[in-house]
Amino acid sequence: MKEAKQSSPENFKTRVWRESLPVIHLAAAVAVAINDRERMGENKTSYGNLIADAKFIFDVLRYTKEYEIIIKNNKLPIEAKKLVSIQLVK
C-alpha cells in the first residue's frame, strides 16, 4: 500500500488488487517460476527471460494453466470468466 501511495486498505483493494485479478494466475506463475530458478542456483531472472528463454517461458505457461484450472474449479474466490486466458499454439 505504501508503494502505491494508498493509505486506506479498501482503496488499495479497489484500485490495485481488483484490477490485477484477471492476470493473477499469470503473475503467480511468473513469481513461482522465478523462485524455482533461484532455488536451483540460476542467475537472476530478467525481463529478457520472459522474451527469449524458452524453458522459463514454458515453465511460466505451465504454471499459468495449472493456476487457471484451480481458479476455474472454484478453489479461489475469483471469477474465472474474467481471467485473461493463455493459449498455447504451435
N, C-alpha and C. Protein backbone atom coordinates (compact mmCIF):
# COMPACT_ATOMS: atom_id res chain seq x y z
N MET A 1 0.82 -1.18 0.00
CA MET A 1 0.00 0.00 0.00
C MET A 1 0.87 1.25 0.00
N LYS A 2 1.98 1.19 0.72
CA LYS A 2 2.86 2.36 0.81
C LYS A 2 3.41 2.73 -0.57
N GLU A 3 3.87 1.73 -1.34
CA GLU A 3 4.42 1.99 -2.67
C GLU A 3 3.37 2.55 -3.62
N ALA A 4 2.13 2.14 -3.46
CA ALA A 4 1.04 2.63 -4.31
C ALA A 4 0.47 3.95 -3.80
N LYS A 5 1.05 4.45 -2.68
CA LYS A 5 0.59 5.69 -2.06
C LYS A 5 -0.90 5.65 -1.71
N GLN A 6 -1.30 4.51 -1.16
CA GLN A 6 -2.67 4.32 -0.71
C GLN A 6 -2.65 4.12 0.79
N SER A 7 -3.42 4.89 1.53
CA SER A 7 -3.43 4.75 2.98
C SER A 7 -4.60 3.91 3.47
N SER A 8 -5.62 3.80 2.66
CA SER A 8 -6.81 3.05 3.06
C SER A 8 -6.77 1.64 2.46
N PRO A 9 -6.91 0.61 3.30
CA PRO A 9 -6.94 -0.75 2.77
C PRO A 9 -8.04 -0.96 1.73
N GLU A 10 -9.19 -0.35 1.93
CA GLU A 10 -10.30 -0.51 0.98
C GLU A 10 -9.96 0.14 -0.36
N ASN A 11 -9.32 1.31 -0.33
CA ASN A 11 -8.88 1.97 -1.56
C ASN A 11 -7.89 1.09 -2.31
N PHE A 12 -6.95 0.54 -1.57
CA PHE A 12 -5.93 -0.32 -2.20
C PHE A 12 -6.60 -1.53 -2.84
N LYS A 13 -7.50 -2.14 -2.11
CA LYS A 13 -8.20 -3.32 -2.61
C LYS A 13 -8.97 -2.99 -3.90
N THR A 14 -9.64 -1.85 -3.91
CA THR A 14 -10.45 -1.45 -5.06
C THR A 14 -9.59 -1.03 -6.25
N ARG A 15 -8.59 -0.22 -6.02
CA ARG A 15 -7.82 0.35 -7.12
C ARG A 15 -6.70 -0.53 -7.64
N VAL A 16 -6.11 -1.35 -6.79
CA VAL A 16 -4.96 -2.15 -7.21
C VAL A 16 -5.30 -3.63 -7.28
N TRP A 17 -5.73 -4.20 -6.19
CA TRP A 17 -5.95 -5.63 -6.10
C TRP A 17 -7.00 -6.11 -7.11
N ARG A 18 -8.18 -5.52 -7.14
CA ARG A 18 -9.24 -5.97 -8.04
C ARG A 18 -8.85 -5.83 -9.50
N GLU A 19 -8.11 -4.78 -9.82
CA GLU A 19 -7.68 -4.57 -11.20
C GLU A 19 -6.70 -5.64 -11.66
N SER A 20 -5.97 -6.26 -10.74
CA SER A 20 -4.98 -7.26 -11.11
C SER A 20 -5.55 -8.68 -11.17
N LEU A 21 -6.77 -8.88 -10.72
CA LEU A 21 -7.33 -10.24 -10.67
C LEU A 21 -7.36 -10.96 -12.02
N PRO A 22 -7.64 -10.29 -13.15
CA PRO A 22 -7.67 -11.03 -14.42
C PRO A 22 -6.33 -11.68 -14.81
N VAL A 23 -5.23 -11.21 -14.21
CA VAL A 23 -3.92 -11.79 -14.54
C VAL A 23 -3.24 -12.40 -13.31
N ILE A 24 -4.00 -12.63 -12.26
CA ILE A 24 -3.40 -13.13 -11.02
C ILE A 24 -2.74 -14.49 -11.22
N HIS A 25 -3.31 -15.33 -12.07
CA HIS A 25 -2.72 -16.65 -12.34
C HIS A 25 -1.40 -16.51 -13.09
N LEU A 26 -1.30 -15.54 -13.97
CA LEU A 26 -0.06 -15.29 -14.71
C LEU A 26 1.00 -14.69 -13.78
N ALA A 27 0.61 -13.74 -12.95
CA ALA A 27 1.56 -13.13 -12.01
C ALA A 27 2.11 -14.18 -11.03
N ALA A 28 1.23 -15.03 -10.53
CA ALA A 28 1.68 -16.08 -9.61
C ALA A 28 2.62 -17.05 -10.31
N ALA A 29 2.32 -17.37 -11.57
CA ALA A 29 3.17 -18.29 -12.34
C ALA A 29 4.57 -17.70 -12.54
N VAL A 30 4.65 -16.43 -12.86
CA VAL A 30 5.96 -15.78 -13.04
C VAL A 30 6.73 -15.82 -11.72
N ALA A 31 6.07 -15.49 -10.63
CA ALA A 31 6.73 -15.49 -9.32
C ALA A 31 7.25 -16.87 -8.95
N VAL A 32 6.47 -17.90 -9.18
CA VAL A 32 6.88 -19.26 -8.84
C VAL A 32 8.02 -19.72 -9.75
N ALA A 33 7.93 -19.40 -11.03
CA ALA A 33 8.99 -19.80 -11.97
C ALA A 33 10.31 -19.10 -11.61
N ILE A 34 10.25 -17.83 -11.22
CA ILE A 34 11.46 -17.12 -10.78
C ILE A 34 12.01 -17.78 -9.52
N ASN A 35 11.14 -18.08 -8.57
CA ASN A 35 11.56 -18.74 -7.34
C ASN A 35 12.23 -20.08 -7.63
N ASP A 36 11.64 -20.86 -8.53
CA ASP A 36 12.22 -22.15 -8.91
C ASP A 36 13.65 -21.98 -9.43
N ARG A 37 13.84 -21.00 -10.34
CA ARG A 37 15.16 -20.76 -10.92
C ARG A 37 16.18 -20.37 -9.85
N GLU A 38 15.77 -19.50 -8.96
CA GLU A 38 16.70 -19.03 -7.94
C GLU A 38 17.04 -20.13 -6.94
N ARG A 39 16.09 -20.99 -6.62
CA ARG A 39 16.38 -22.12 -5.72
C ARG A 39 17.35 -23.08 -6.34
N MET A 40 17.34 -23.17 -7.67
CA MET A 40 18.25 -24.08 -8.37
C MET A 40 19.61 -23.42 -8.63
N GLY A 41 19.80 -22.20 -8.14
CA GLY A 41 21.07 -21.52 -8.24
C GLY A 41 21.31 -20.82 -9.57
N GLU A 42 20.27 -20.65 -10.36
CA GLU A 42 20.44 -19.96 -11.63
C GLU A 42 20.55 -18.46 -11.41
N ASN A 43 21.07 -17.78 -12.42
CA ASN A 43 21.23 -16.33 -12.35
C ASN A 43 19.88 -15.65 -12.14
N LYS A 44 19.96 -14.41 -11.70
CA LYS A 44 18.74 -13.62 -11.55
C LYS A 44 17.93 -13.62 -12.84
N THR A 45 16.64 -13.63 -12.70
CA THR A 45 15.75 -13.61 -13.86
C THR A 45 15.48 -12.15 -14.23
N SER A 46 15.46 -11.89 -15.54
CA SER A 46 15.19 -10.53 -16.01
C SER A 46 14.01 -10.57 -16.99
N TYR A 47 13.62 -9.40 -17.44
CA TYR A 47 12.54 -9.33 -18.43
C TYR A 47 12.92 -10.09 -19.70
N GLY A 48 14.20 -10.13 -20.01
CA GLY A 48 14.67 -10.86 -21.18
C GLY A 48 14.30 -12.34 -21.14
N ASN A 49 14.27 -12.91 -19.94
CA ASN A 49 13.87 -14.31 -19.81
C ASN A 49 12.43 -14.53 -20.25
N LEU A 50 11.58 -13.54 -20.03
CA LEU A 50 10.18 -13.65 -20.46
C LEU A 50 10.03 -13.58 -21.97
N ILE A 51 11.07 -13.11 -22.65
CA ILE A 51 11.02 -12.97 -24.10
C ILE A 51 11.81 -14.06 -24.80
N ALA A 52 12.98 -14.39 -24.28
CA ALA A 52 13.90 -15.23 -25.05
C ALA A 52 14.30 -16.56 -24.41
N ASP A 53 13.90 -16.82 -23.19
CA ASP A 53 14.30 -18.06 -22.51
C ASP A 53 13.16 -19.07 -22.63
N ALA A 54 13.28 -19.97 -23.58
CA ALA A 54 12.19 -20.91 -23.88
C ALA A 54 11.79 -21.75 -22.67
N LYS A 55 12.76 -22.23 -21.90
CA LYS A 55 12.43 -23.06 -20.73
C LYS A 55 11.67 -22.24 -19.69
N PHE A 56 12.12 -21.02 -19.44
CA PHE A 56 11.45 -20.17 -18.47
C PHE A 56 10.02 -19.87 -18.93
N ILE A 57 9.87 -19.53 -20.20
CA ILE A 57 8.54 -19.24 -20.75
C ILE A 57 7.64 -20.47 -20.61
N PHE A 58 8.17 -21.65 -20.93
CA PHE A 58 7.40 -22.88 -20.81
C PHE A 58 6.95 -23.09 -19.37
N ASP A 59 7.87 -22.88 -18.42
CA ASP A 59 7.54 -23.06 -17.00
C ASP A 59 6.44 -22.09 -16.58
N VAL A 60 6.56 -20.83 -17.01
CA VAL A 60 5.54 -19.83 -16.67
C VAL A 60 4.19 -20.25 -17.24
N LEU A 61 4.16 -20.67 -18.50
CA LEU A 61 2.89 -21.05 -19.12
C LEU A 61 2.30 -22.30 -18.46
N ARG A 62 3.14 -23.23 -18.09
CA ARG A 62 2.66 -24.45 -17.42
C ARG A 62 2.02 -24.09 -16.08
N TYR A 63 2.70 -23.28 -15.29
CA TYR A 63 2.13 -22.85 -14.01
C TYR A 63 0.85 -22.04 -14.22
N THR A 64 0.85 -21.18 -15.24
CA THR A 64 -0.33 -20.36 -15.51
C THR A 64 -1.55 -21.23 -15.76
N LYS A 65 -1.40 -22.26 -16.58
CA LYS A 65 -2.53 -23.15 -16.87
C LYS A 65 -2.97 -23.90 -15.61
N GLU A 66 -2.01 -24.32 -14.78
CA GLU A 66 -2.36 -25.01 -13.53
C GLU A 66 -3.17 -24.09 -12.61
N TYR A 67 -2.74 -22.85 -12.47
CA TYR A 67 -3.45 -21.91 -11.60
C TYR A 67 -4.80 -21.53 -12.17
N GLU A 68 -4.89 -21.45 -13.49
CA GLU A 68 -6.18 -21.16 -14.13
C GLU A 68 -7.17 -22.29 -13.82
N ILE A 69 -6.72 -23.52 -13.86
CA ILE A 69 -7.58 -24.67 -13.55
C ILE A 69 -8.04 -24.60 -12.09
N ILE A 70 -7.13 -24.28 -11.19
CA ILE A 70 -7.50 -24.16 -9.77
C ILE A 70 -8.59 -23.11 -9.60
N ILE A 71 -8.41 -21.95 -10.24
CA ILE A 71 -9.40 -20.88 -10.13
C ILE A 71 -10.73 -21.31 -10.74
N LYS A 72 -10.68 -21.93 -11.91
CA LYS A 72 -11.91 -22.34 -12.58
C LYS A 72 -12.65 -23.44 -11.83
N ASN A 73 -11.94 -24.19 -11.02
CA ASN A 73 -12.58 -25.21 -10.19
C ASN A 73 -13.05 -24.64 -8.86
N ASN A 74 -13.16 -23.32 -8.81
CA ASN A 74 -13.69 -22.61 -7.64
C ASN A 74 -12.88 -22.83 -6.37
N LYS A 75 -11.60 -23.00 -6.51
CA LYS A 75 -10.76 -23.14 -5.33
C LYS A 75 -10.39 -21.77 -4.76
N LEU A 76 -10.56 -20.73 -5.56
CA LEU A 76 -10.28 -19.36 -5.12
C LEU A 76 -11.48 -18.48 -5.46
N PRO A 77 -11.73 -17.46 -4.67
CA PRO A 77 -12.90 -16.60 -4.91
C PRO A 77 -12.64 -15.55 -6.00
N ILE A 78 -12.34 -16.02 -7.20
CA ILE A 78 -12.09 -15.14 -8.35
C ILE A 78 -12.99 -15.61 -9.48
N GLU A 79 -13.62 -14.67 -10.18
CA GLU A 79 -14.49 -15.04 -11.29
C GLU A 79 -13.64 -15.54 -12.46
N ALA A 80 -13.76 -16.82 -12.78
CA ALA A 80 -12.94 -17.44 -13.82
C ALA A 80 -13.15 -16.79 -15.18
N LYS A 81 -14.36 -16.33 -15.46
CA LYS A 81 -14.63 -15.74 -16.77
C LYS A 81 -13.89 -14.43 -17.00
N LYS A 82 -13.39 -13.82 -15.93
CA LYS A 82 -12.66 -12.57 -16.05
C LYS A 82 -11.16 -12.77 -16.24
N LEU A 83 -10.68 -14.01 -16.12
CA LEU A 83 -9.26 -14.27 -16.28
C LEU A 83 -8.81 -14.04 -17.71
N VAL A 84 -7.62 -13.51 -17.87
CA VAL A 84 -7.01 -13.42 -19.19
C VAL A 84 -6.58 -14.84 -19.53
N SER A 85 -7.09 -15.36 -20.62
CA SER A 85 -6.81 -16.75 -20.98
C SER A 85 -5.50 -16.85 -21.77
N ILE A 86 -4.70 -17.82 -21.41
CA ILE A 86 -3.43 -18.08 -22.11
C ILE A 86 -3.60 -19.35 -22.93
N GLN A 87 -3.31 -19.25 -24.21
CA GLN A 87 -3.43 -20.40 -25.11
C GLN A 87 -2.08 -20.73 -25.71
N LEU A 88 -1.73 -22.00 -25.73
CA LEU A 88 -0.51 -22.44 -26.38
C LEU A 88 -0.85 -22.91 -27.79
N VAL A 89 -0.16 -22.36 -28.77
CA VAL A 89 -0.44 -22.69 -30.17
C VAL A 89 0.87 -23.05 -30.85
N LYS A 90 0.83 -24.10 -31.65
CA LYS A 90 2.03 -24.49 -32.42
C LYS A 90 2.06 -23.80 -33.74
